[in-house]
Protein backbone atom coordinates (compact mmCIF):
# COMPACT_ATOMS: atom_id res chain seq x y z
CA PRO A 1 16.36 102.32 1.55
CA PHE A 2 17.11 99.39 -1.04
CA SER A 3 19.71 101.31 -3.01
CA ALA A 4 22.63 100.04 -2.28
CA LEU A 5 21.32 96.31 -3.10
CA ASP A 6 22.15 94.23 -5.90
CA ALA A 7 19.01 94.36 -8.12
CA ILE A 8 17.86 90.13 -7.09
CA THR A 9 18.25 91.42 -3.38
CA ARG A 10 16.37 94.40 -3.64
CA ILE A 11 13.48 92.61 -5.18
CA ARG A 12 13.44 89.63 -2.85
CA LEU A 13 13.78 92.75 0.27
CA GLN A 14 10.71 94.80 -1.19
CA ASP A 15 8.71 91.84 -1.28
CA LEU A 16 9.77 91.17 2.21
CA ALA A 17 9.09 94.92 2.78
CA ALA A 18 5.35 94.34 1.45
CA ARG A 19 4.33 91.34 3.47
CA LEU A 20 5.73 92.78 6.72
CA LEU A 21 3.97 95.92 6.00
CA ALA A 22 0.87 94.69 4.74
CA GLY A 23 -2.27 97.05 6.37
CA ARG A 24 0.22 99.79 7.50
CA THR A 25 0.49 103.29 6.63
CA VAL A 26 3.99 103.48 5.34
CA LEU A 27 5.24 107.13 3.87
CA LEU A 28 8.50 105.28 1.09
CA VAL A 29 10.66 108.54 -0.25
CA THR A 30 12.38 106.83 -3.38
CA HIS A 31 13.97 108.45 -6.30
CA ASP A 32 13.43 104.42 -8.51
CA PRO A 33 10.15 104.80 -10.44
CA LEU A 34 10.02 100.99 -10.63
CA GLU A 35 10.33 100.74 -6.72
CA ALA A 36 7.79 102.77 -5.91
CA LEU A 37 5.19 101.61 -8.59
CA ARG A 38 6.31 97.82 -6.95
CA LEU A 39 5.24 98.98 -3.17
CA GLY A 40 3.29 101.89 -3.50
CA ARG A 41 -0.73 102.35 -3.76
CA SER A 42 -0.36 106.58 -4.60
CA ILE A 43 2.88 107.62 -5.85
CA HIS A 44 3.33 111.70 -6.57
CA VAL A 45 6.33 112.85 -7.92
CA MET A 46 7.47 116.28 -5.88
CA LYS A 47 8.75 119.15 -7.69
CA GLY A 48 9.29 123.22 -7.84
CA ARG A 49 10.54 125.27 -4.89
CA PRO A 50 8.54 125.19 -2.56
CA ALA A 51 8.21 121.33 -3.23
CA THR A 52 4.83 120.47 -4.08
CA LEU A 53 2.99 117.33 -4.78
CA GLY A 54 1.84 116.23 -8.64
CA PRO A 55 -1.18 114.58 -9.32
CA ALA A 56 -1.22 110.50 -7.91
CA LEU A 57 -0.25 107.75 -10.52
CA ARG A 58 -2.38 104.63 -8.80
CA PRO A 59 -1.34 101.26 -9.72
CA SER A 60 -3.70 98.70 -9.96
CA GLY A 61 -3.42 95.31 -7.85
CA SER A 62 -1.70 95.24 -4.80
CA SER A 63 1.88 95.22 -3.92
CA PRO A 64 4.36 93.97 -4.45
CA ARG A 65 3.64 94.59 -8.54
CA SER A 66 5.51 92.14 -11.00
CA VAL A 67 8.50 93.79 -12.53
CA ALA A 68 7.47 91.85 -15.92
CA ASN A 69 3.80 93.89 -15.05
CA PRO A 70 2.70 95.34 -18.38
CA GLU A 71 0.92 98.18 -16.24
CA ILE A 72 3.74 98.74 -13.96
CA LEU A 73 5.88 99.21 -17.39
CA ARG A 74 3.45 101.40 -18.78
CA LEU A 75 3.32 104.04 -15.82
CA GLN A 76 6.96 103.92 -14.97
CA GLY A 77 7.57 105.31 -18.36
CA ASN A 78 4.86 108.06 -17.22
CA LEU A 79 6.33 108.40 -14.18
CA LEU A 80 9.88 108.81 -16.00
CA ASN A 81 8.63 111.70 -18.34
CA GLN A 82 7.17 113.00 -14.93
CA LEU A 83 10.72 113.10 -13.29
CA ALA A 84 12.45 114.83 -16.83
CA GLU A 85 9.91 117.92 -16.43
CA ALA A 86 10.38 118.25 -12.98
CA ALA A 87 13.75 118.10 -13.22
CA GLN A 88 13.80 121.12 -15.85
């Protein structure tokens, strides 16, 4: 839902969505690893045909997480590697 926005507006709207949706169950499908890690509690990579869910990545802390959080940056690398493997 945030893909057509500039980077700063995207982060602001992600922060707003996190506040407005706090305490609710939401399924967010995104191609943006950083967005998933900032907002998600449990992140899965879909792969294969038929599609299956890979193991969950569970970042610590509550959303929205900072884009400068070292754990989020490390997990972003891990998630990008998983996506690259799933694309093969």
